[in-house]
PDB file of all heavy atoms in Angstrom:
ATOM      1  N   GLU A   1      10.111  14.725   9.662  1.00  0.00           N
ATOM      2  CA  GLU A   1      10.397  13.351   9.898  1.00  0.00           C
ATOM      3  C   GLU A   1       9.733  12.436   8.904  1.00  0.00           C
ATOM      4  O   GLU A   1      10.065  11.216   8.820  1.00  0.00           O
ATOM      5  CB  GLU A   1      10.175  12.909  11.302  1.00  0.00           C
ATOM      6  CG  GLU A   1       8.740  13.215  11.776  1.00  0.00           C
ATOM      7  CD  GLU A   1       8.705  14.505  12.568  1.00  0.00           C
ATOM      8  OE1 GLU A   1       9.240  15.500  12.177  1.00  0.00           O
ATOM      9  OE2 GLU A   1       7.976  14.510  13.650  1.00  0.00           O
ATOM     10  N   ASP A   2       8.841  12.905   8.097  1.00  0.00           N
ATOM     11  CA  ASP A   2       8.242  12.095   6.982  1.00  0.00           C
ATOM     12  C   ASP A   2       9.180  12.020   5.755  1.00  0.00           C
ATOM     13  O   ASP A   2       8.818  11.243   4.828  1.00  0.00           O
ATOM     14  CB  ASP A   2       6.793  12.656   6.594  1.00  0.00           C
ATOM     15  CG  ASP A   2       5.849  12.504   7.708  1.00  0.00           C
ATOM     16  OD1 ASP A   2       5.829  11.472   8.477  1.00  0.00           O
ATOM     17  OD2 ASP A   2       5.091  13.430   7.879  1.00  0.00           O
ATOM     18  N   THR A   3      10.155  12.823   5.685  1.00  0.00           N
ATOM     19  CA  THR A   3      11.078  12.814   4.633  1.00  0.00           C
ATOM     20  C   THR A   3      11.754  11.425   4.333  1.00  0.00           C
ATOM     21  O   THR A   3      12.342  10.827   5.216  1.00  0.00           O
ATOM     22  CB  THR A   3      12.172  13.969   4.785  1.00  0.00           C
ATOM     23  OG1 THR A   3      11.607  15.241   4.844  1.00  0.00           O
ATOM     24  CG2 THR A   3      13.211  13.884   3.543  1.00  0.00           C
ATOM     25  N   ALA A   4      11.571  11.010   3.187  1.00  0.00           N
ATOM     26  CA  ALA A   4      11.987   9.626   2.812  1.00  0.00           C
ATOM     27  C   ALA A   4      11.838   9.328   1.359  1.00  0.00           C
ATOM     28  O   ALA A   4      10.953  10.066   0.749  1.00  0.00           O
ATOM     29  CB  ALA A   4      11.454   8.624   3.740  1.00  0.00           C
ATOM     30  N   VAL A   5      12.387   8.264   0.856  1.00  0.00           N
ATOM     31  CA  VAL A   5      11.844   7.714  -0.425  1.00  0.00           C
ATOM     32  C   VAL A   5      10.765   6.753  -0.030  1.00  0.00           C
ATOM     33  O   VAL A   5      10.849   5.875   0.841  1.00  0.00           O
ATOM     34  CB  VAL A   5      12.979   6.963  -1.140  1.00  0.00           C
ATOM     35  CG1 VAL A   5      12.457   6.256  -2.347  1.00  0.00           C
ATOM     36  CG2 VAL A   5      14.120   7.912  -1.544  1.00  0.00           C
ATOM     37  N   TYR A   6       9.612   7.011  -0.771  1.00  0.00           N
ATOM     38  CA  TYR A   6       8.446   6.206  -0.458  1.00  0.00           C
ATOM     39  C   TYR A   6       8.294   5.087  -1.636  1.00  0.00           C
ATOM     40  O   TYR A   6       8.337   5.388  -2.809  1.00  0.00           O
ATOM     41  CB  TYR A   6       7.137   7.031  -0.454  1.00  0.00           C
ATOM     42  CG  TYR A   6       7.001   7.731   0.846  1.00  0.00           C
ATOM     43  CD1 TYR A   6       7.917   8.708   1.172  1.00  0.00           C
ATOM     44  CD2 TYR A   6       6.040   7.372   1.768  1.00  0.00           C
ATOM     45  CE1 TYR A   6       7.852   9.469   2.454  1.00  0.00           C
ATOM     46  CE2 TYR A   6       5.932   8.024   3.015  1.00  0.00           C
ATOM     47  CZ  TYR A   6       6.840   8.953   3.360  1.00  0.00           C
ATOM     48  OH  TYR A   6       6.748   9.701   4.592  1.00  0.00           O
ATOM     49  N   TYR A   7       8.012   3.904  -1.144  1.00  0.00           N
ATOM     50  CA  TYR A   7       8.030   2.705  -2.130  1.00  0.00           C
ATOM     51  C   TYR A   7       6.654   2.080  -1.988  1.00  0.00           C
ATOM     52  O   TYR A   7       6.151   1.907  -0.984  1.00  0.00           O
ATOM     53  CB  TYR A   7       9.099   1.740  -1.746  1.00  0.00           C
ATOM     54  CG  TYR A   7      10.522   2.144  -1.927  1.00  0.00           C
ATOM     55  CD1 TYR A   7      11.114   2.753  -0.925  1.00  0.00           C
ATOM     56  CD2 TYR A   7      11.158   2.009  -3.132  1.00  0.00           C
ATOM     57  CE1 TYR A   7      12.413   3.159  -1.091  1.00  0.00           C
ATOM     58  CE2 TYR A   7      12.458   2.439  -3.264  1.00  0.00           C
ATOM     59  CZ  TYR A   7      12.967   2.962  -2.248  1.00  0.00           C
ATOM     60  OH  TYR A   7      14.397   3.369  -2.375  1.00  0.00           O
ATOM     61  N   CYS A   8       6.112   1.743  -3.086  1.00  0.00           N
ATOM     62  CA  CYS A   8       4.944   0.900  -3.202  1.00  0.00           C
ATOM     63  C   CYS A   8       5.263  -0.544  -3.323  1.00  0.00           C
ATOM     64  O   CYS A   8       6.295  -1.049  -3.888  1.00  0.00           O
ATOM     65  CB  CYS A   8       4.036   1.317  -4.485  1.00  0.00           C
ATOM     66  SG  CYS A   8       2.595   0.362  -4.726  1.00  0.00           S
ATOM     67  N   ALA A   9       4.558  -1.494  -2.626  1.00  0.00           N
ATOM     68  CA  ALA A   9       4.743  -2.808  -2.658  1.00  0.00           C
ATOM     69  C   ALA A   9       3.439  -3.631  -2.840  1.00  0.00           C
ATOM     70  O   ALA A   9       2.381  -3.229  -2.481  1.00  0.00           O
ATOM     71  CB  ALA A   9       5.492  -3.202  -1.304  1.00  0.00           C
ATOM     72  N   ALA A  10       3.548  -4.814  -3.302  1.00  0.00           N
ATOM     73  CA  ALA A  10       2.439  -5.778  -3.537  1.00  0.00           C
ATOM     74  C   ALA A  10       2.892  -7.055  -3.163  1.00  0.00           C
ATOM     75  O   ALA A  10       3.929  -7.566  -3.353  1.00  0.00           O
ATOM     76  CB  ALA A  10       2.028  -5.711  -4.995  1.00  0.00           C
ATOM     77  N   ASP A  11       1.901  -7.837  -2.438  1.00  0.00           N
ATOM     78  CA  ASP A  11       2.169  -9.206  -2.106  1.00  0.00           C
ATOM     79  C   ASP A  11       0.906  -9.860  -1.633  1.00  0.00           C
ATOM     80  O   ASP A  11      -0.083  -9.120  -1.146  1.00  0.00           O
ATOM     81  CB  ASP A  11       3.189  -9.255  -0.834  1.00  0.00           C
ATOM     82  CG  ASP A  11       3.817 -10.679  -0.536  1.00  0.00           C
ATOM     83  OD1 ASP A  11       3.007 -11.459  -0.015  1.00  0.00           O
ATOM     84  OD2 ASP A  11       4.887 -10.867  -1.075  1.00  0.00           O
ATOM     85  N   ILE A  12       0.732 -11.158  -1.915  1.00  0.00           N
ATOM     86  CA  ILE A  12      -0.521 -11.890  -1.570  1.00  0.00           C
ATOM     87  C   ILE A  12      -0.696 -11.668   0.067  1.00  0.00           C
ATOM     88  O   ILE A  12      -1.927 -11.637   0.407  1.00  0.00           O
ATOM     89  CB  ILE A  12      -0.410 -13.378  -2.015  1.00  0.00           C
ATOM     90  CG1 ILE A  12      -0.517 -13.461  -3.485  1.00  0.00           C
ATOM     91  CG2 ILE A  12      -1.623 -14.022  -1.435  1.00  0.00           C
ATOM     92  CD1 ILE A  12      -1.713 -12.864  -4.147  1.00  0.00           C
ATOM     93  N   ASN A  13       0.296 -11.791   0.759  1.00  0.00           N
ATOM     94  CA  ASN A  13       0.349 -11.726   2.254  1.00  0.00           C
ATOM     95  C   ASN A  13       1.077 -10.509   2.760  1.00  0.00           C
ATOM     96  O   ASN A  13       1.752 -10.588   3.768  1.00  0.00           O
ATOM     97  CB  ASN A  13       0.832 -12.939   2.789  1.00  0.00           C
ATOM     98  CG  ASN A  13      -0.006 -14.252   2.411  1.00  0.00           C
ATOM     99  OD1 ASN A  13      -1.160 -14.257   2.643  1.00  0.00           O
ATOM    100  ND2 ASN A  13       0.813 -15.110   1.813  1.00  0.00           N
ATOM    101  N   LEU A  14       0.808  -9.290   2.250  1.00  0.00           N
ATOM    102  CA  LEU A  14       1.503  -8.191   2.556  1.00  0.00           C
ATOM    103  C   LEU A  14       1.361  -7.676   4.056  1.00  0.00           C
ATOM    104  O   LEU A  14       2.256  -7.514   4.789  1.00  0.00           O
ATOM    105  CB  LEU A  14       1.266  -6.979   1.653  1.00  0.00           C
ATOM    106  CG  LEU A  14       2.195  -5.677   1.871  1.00  0.00           C
ATOM    107  CD1 LEU A  14       2.490  -5.097   0.626  1.00  0.00           C
ATOM    108  CD2 LEU A  14       1.501  -4.864   2.864  1.00  0.00           C
ATOM    109  N   TYR A  15       0.181  -7.873   4.521  1.00  0.00           N
ATOM    110  CA  TYR A  15      -0.073  -7.404   5.953  1.00  0.00           C
ATOM    111  C   TYR A  15       0.710  -8.236   6.855  1.00  0.00           C
ATOM    112  O   TYR A  15       1.363  -7.723   7.784  1.00  0.00           O
ATOM    113  CB  TYR A  15      -1.591  -7.530   6.207  1.00  0.00           C
ATOM    114  CG  TYR A  15      -1.866  -7.151   7.732  1.00  0.00           C
ATOM    115  CD1 TYR A  15      -1.809  -5.843   8.125  1.00  0.00           C
ATOM    116  CD2 TYR A  15      -2.193  -8.082   8.633  1.00  0.00           C
ATOM    117  CE1 TYR A  15      -2.067  -5.529   9.472  1.00  0.00           C
ATOM    118  CE2 TYR A  15      -2.417  -7.808   9.886  1.00  0.00           C
ATOM    119  CZ  TYR A  15      -2.389  -6.558  10.258  1.00  0.00           C
ATOM    120  OH  TYR A  15      -2.587  -6.174  11.662  1.00  0.00           O
ATOM    121  N   ASN A  16       0.670  -9.590   6.657  1.00  0.00           N
ATOM    122  CA  ASN A  16       1.383 -10.366   7.599  1.00  0.00           C
ATOM    123  C   ASN A  16       2.890 -10.311   7.553  1.00  0.00           C
ATOM    124  O   ASN A  16       3.676 -10.657   8.478  1.00  0.00           O
ATOM    125  CB  ASN A  16       1.016 -11.926   7.374  1.00  0.00           C
ATOM    126  CG  ASN A  16      -0.301 -12.188   7.811  1.00  0.00           C
ATOM    127  OD1 ASN A  16      -1.003 -11.577   8.754  1.00  0.00           O
ATOM    128  ND2 ASN A  16      -0.951 -13.218   7.222  1.00  0.00           N
ATOM    129  N   ARG A  17       3.391  -9.720   6.373  1.00  0.00           N
ATOM    130  CA  ARG A  17       4.934  -9.571   6.225  1.00  0.00           C
ATOM    131  C   ARG A  17       5.307  -8.220   6.250  1.00  0.00           C
ATOM    132  O   ARG A  17       6.376  -7.835   5.918  1.00  0.00           O
ATOM    133  CB  ARG A  17       5.163 -10.170   4.842  1.00  0.00           C
ATOM    134  CG  ARG A  17       4.953 -11.603   4.687  1.00  0.00           C
ATOM    135  CD  ARG A  17       5.100 -12.055   3.188  1.00  0.00           C
ATOM    136  NE  ARG A  17       4.841 -13.572   3.069  1.00  0.00           N
ATOM    137  CZ  ARG A  17       4.806 -14.164   1.898  1.00  0.00           C
ATOM    138  NH1 ARG A  17       4.877 -13.470   0.758  1.00  0.00           N
ATOM    139  NH2 ARG A  17       4.664 -15.494   1.840  1.00  0.00           N
ATOM    140  N   ARG A  18       4.374  -7.344   6.775  1.00  0.00           N
ATOM    141  CA  ARG A  18       4.718  -5.780   6.773  1.00  0.00           C
ATOM    142  C   ARG A  18       5.940  -5.498   7.620  1.00  0.00           C
ATOM    143  O   ARG A  18       6.578  -4.350   7.270  1.00  0.00           O
ATOM    144  CB  ARG A  18       3.437  -5.089   7.198  1.00  0.00           C
ATOM    145  CG  ARG A  18       3.141  -5.213   8.758  1.00  0.00           C
ATOM    146  CD  ARG A  18       1.799  -4.678   9.101  1.00  0.00           C
ATOM    147  NE  ARG A  18       1.399  -4.795  10.464  1.00  0.00           N
ATOM    148  CZ  ARG A  18       0.982  -5.841  11.120  1.00  0.00           C
ATOM    149  NH1 ARG A  18       0.843  -6.971  10.452  1.00  0.00           N
ATOM    150  NH2 ARG A  18       0.736  -5.749  12.352  1.00  0.00           N
ATOM    151  N   TRP A  19       6.192  -6.183   8.519  1.00  0.00           N
ATOM    152  CA  TRP A  19       7.466  -5.914   9.309  1.00  0.00           C
ATOM    153  C   TRP A  19       8.723  -6.519   8.722  1.00  0.00           C
ATOM    154  O   TRP A  19       9.856  -6.331   9.225  1.00  0.00           O
ATOM    155  CB  TRP A  19       7.299  -6.372  10.738  1.00  0.00           C
ATOM    156  CG  TRP A  19       6.150  -5.894  11.493  1.00  0.00           C
ATOM    157  CD1 TRP A  19       5.100  -6.538  12.020  1.00  0.00           C
ATOM    158  CD2 TRP A  19       5.721  -4.495  11.663  1.00  0.00           C
ATOM    159  NE1 TRP A  19       4.075  -5.723  12.507  1.00  0.00           N
ATOM    160  CE2 TRP A  19       4.464  -4.503  12.343  1.00  0.00           C
ATOM    161  CE3 TRP A  19       6.344  -3.180  11.264  1.00  0.00           C
ATOM    162  CZ2 TRP A  19       3.788  -3.434  12.616  1.00  0.00           C
ATOM    163  CZ3 TRP A  19       5.644  -2.039  11.567  1.00  0.00           C
ATOM    164  CH2 TRP A  19       4.446  -2.095  12.283  1.00  0.00           C
ATOM    165  N   TYR A  20       8.605  -7.219   7.637  1.00  0.00           N
ATOM    166  CA  TYR A  20       9.708  -7.852   6.949  1.00  0.00           C
ATOM    167  C   TYR A  20       9.790  -7.501   5.496  1.00  0.00           C
ATOM    168  O   TYR A  20       9.392  -8.296   4.624  1.00  0.00           O
ATOM    169  CB  TYR A  20       9.694  -9.444   7.186  1.00  0.00           C
ATOM    170  CG  TYR A  20       9.494  -9.764   8.587  1.00  0.00           C
ATOM    171  CD1 TYR A  20       8.100 -10.097   9.147  1.00  0.00           C
ATOM    172  CD2 TYR A  20      10.617  -9.700   9.510  1.00  0.00           C
ATOM    173  CE1 TYR A  20       8.038 -10.339  10.374  1.00  0.00           C
ATOM    174  CE2 TYR A  20      10.427 -10.099  10.853  1.00  0.00           C
ATOM    175  CZ  TYR A  20       9.141 -10.442  11.232  1.00  0.00           C
ATOM    176  OH  TYR A  20       8.969 -10.744  12.644  1.00  0.00           O
ATOM    177  N   PRO A  21      10.058  -6.181   5.111  1.00  0.00           N
ATOM    178  CA  PRO A  21      10.008  -5.771   3.750  1.00  0.00           C
ATOM    179  C   PRO A  21      10.775  -6.656   2.758  1.00  0.00           C
ATOM    180  O   PRO A  21      10.268  -6.826   1.691  1.00  0.00           O
ATOM    181  CB  PRO A  21      10.601  -4.408   3.893  1.00  0.00           C
ATOM    182  CG  PRO A  21      10.399  -3.898   5.195  1.00  0.00           C
ATOM    183  CD  PRO A  21      10.545  -5.215   6.083  1.00  0.00           C
ATOM    184  N   ALA A  22      11.873  -7.307   3.155  1.00  0.00           N
ATOM    185  CA  ALA A  22      12.661  -7.955   2.306  1.00  0.00           C
ATOM    186  C   ALA A  22      11.946  -9.261   1.807  1.00  0.00           C
ATOM    187  O   ALA A  22      12.320  -9.873   0.782  1.00  0.00           O
ATOM    188  CB  ALA A  22      14.033  -8.407   2.931  1.00  0.00           C
ATOM    189  N   SER A  23      10.977  -9.638   2.528  1.00  0.00           N
ATOM    190  CA  SER A  23      10.112 -10.828   2.085  1.00  0.00           C
ATOM    191  C   SER A  23       9.041 -10.540   1.043  1.00  0.00           C
ATOM    192  O   SER A  23       8.434 -11.443   0.557  1.00  0.00           O
ATOM    193  CB  SER A  23       9.542 -11.476   3.337  1.00  0.00           C
ATOM    194  OG  SER A  23       8.451 -10.783   3.803  1.00  0.00           O
ATOM    195  N   LEU A  24       8.796  -9.275   0.777  1.00  0.00           N
ATOM    196  CA  LEU A  24       7.635  -8.985  -0.092  1.00  0.00           C
ATOM    197  C   LEU A  24       8.051  -9.173  -1.445  1.00  0.00           C
ATOM    198  O   LEU A  24       9.193  -9.046  -1.951  1.00  0.00           O
ATOM    199  CB  LEU A  24       7.238  -7.452   0.187  1.00  0.00           C
ATOM    200  CG  LEU A  24       6.772  -7.185   1.520  1.00  0.00           C
ATOM    201  CD1 LEU A  24       6.462  -5.669   1.694  1.00  0.00           C
ATOM    202  CD2 LEU A  24       5.554  -8.036   1.981  1.00  0.00           C
ATOM    203  N   GLY A  25       6.982  -9.467  -2.362  1.00  0.00           N
ATOM    204  CA  GLY A  25       7.187 -10.032  -3.743  1.00  0.00           C
ATOM    205  C   GLY A  25       7.427  -8.903  -4.773  1.00  0.00           C
ATOM    206  O   GLY A  25       8.399  -9.174  -5.569  1.00  0.00           O
TER     207      GLY A  25
END
């Protein structure tokens, strides 16, 4: 069930936006 494409992301406020991936920079 871990099978997936894994993406790295960066954002000044990533933790607070972690449930909203579309908002990340």
